[in-house]
Amino acid sequence: MNPEELKKARNADLYGSLAAMQRAGELARQTAIQTNTAIVIVQDGKLVRIPAEQLRKQRDSNE
């Protein structure tokens, strides 16, 4: 489901799942930065490893 479909969901749990996944992703990034480890995401159907240093740069540029 895409974000627009989730907004129209009748089930409150399904509607809230997008925000929960976003919070979980942010927490994973914070943990990776604190422990100096990488995270692995799927981007355009491919596994991509993002090292802690790159996560720090992304975080700092967003502040």
Protein backbone atom coordinates (compact mmCIF):
# COMPACT_ATOMS: atom_id res chain seq x y z
CA MET A 1 0.00 0.00 0.00
CA ASN A 2 1.15 3.52 -0.64
CA PRO A 3 0.75 6.44 1.81
CA GLU A 4 -2.42 7.70 0.09
CA GLU A 5 -4.10 4.30 0.42
CA LEU A 6 -3.08 4.11 4.08
CA LYS A 7 -4.67 7.51 4.75
CA LYS A 8 -7.99 6.16 3.44
CA ALA A 9 -7.82 2.94 5.46
CA ARG A 10 -10.81 2.21 7.66
CA ASN A 11 -8.74 0.21 10.13
CA ALA A 12 -7.08 2.58 12.61
CA ASP A 13 -4.13 0.20 13.10
CA LEU A 14 -3.45 0.12 9.39
CA TYR A 15 -3.75 3.90 9.18
CA GLY A 16 -1.22 4.33 12.01
CA SER A 17 1.23 1.79 10.62
CA LEU A 18 2.96 4.27 8.30
CA ALA A 19 3.84 6.59 11.18
CA ALA A 20 4.99 3.61 13.25
CA MET A 21 7.29 2.42 10.45
CA GLN A 22 8.73 5.92 10.08
CA ARG A 23 9.42 6.10 13.82
CA ALA A 24 11.06 2.67 13.73
CA GLY A 25 13.28 3.73 10.82
CA GLU A 26 14.39 6.85 12.67
CA LEU A 27 15.16 4.83 15.79
CA ALA A 28 17.20 2.37 13.69
CA ARG A 29 19.20 5.27 12.26
CA GLN A 30 19.83 6.72 15.74
CA THR A 31 20.94 3.32 17.06
CA ALA A 32 23.28 2.81 14.09
CA ILE A 33 24.86 6.21 14.70
CA GLN A 34 25.31 5.52 18.42
CA THR A 35 26.84 2.08 17.84
CA ASN A 36 28.82 3.10 14.73
CA THR A 37 27.20 0.42 12.62
CA ALA A 38 25.47 0.49 9.25
CA ILE A 39 21.85 -0.04 8.34
CA VAL A 40 20.64 -1.93 5.29
CA ILE A 41 17.64 -0.67 3.34
CA VAL A 42 15.90 -1.64 0.12
CA GLN A 43 16.17 1.13 -2.46
CA ASP A 44 14.83 0.66 -5.98
CA GLY A 45 14.61 -3.09 -5.30
CA LYS A 46 18.27 -3.40 -4.29
CA LEU A 47 19.86 -3.82 -0.87
CA VAL A 48 21.85 -0.73 0.06
CA ARG A 49 24.22 -0.52 3.04
CA ILE A 50 24.40 2.93 4.66
CA PRO A 51 27.34 3.35 7.05
CA ALA A 52 27.03 5.32 10.29
CA GLU A 53 29.19 8.16 8.94
CA GLN A 54 26.78 8.75 6.07
CA LEU A 55 23.84 8.63 8.49
CA ARG A 56 25.56 11.29 10.63
CA LYS A 57 26.02 13.52 7.57
CA GLN A 58 22.36 13.09 6.60
CA ARG A 59 21.26 13.88 10.14
CA ASP A 60 23.48 16.95 10.37
CA SER A 61 22.30 18.32 7.02
CA ASN A 62 18.66 18.01 8.14
CA GLU A 63 19.20 20.00 11.34
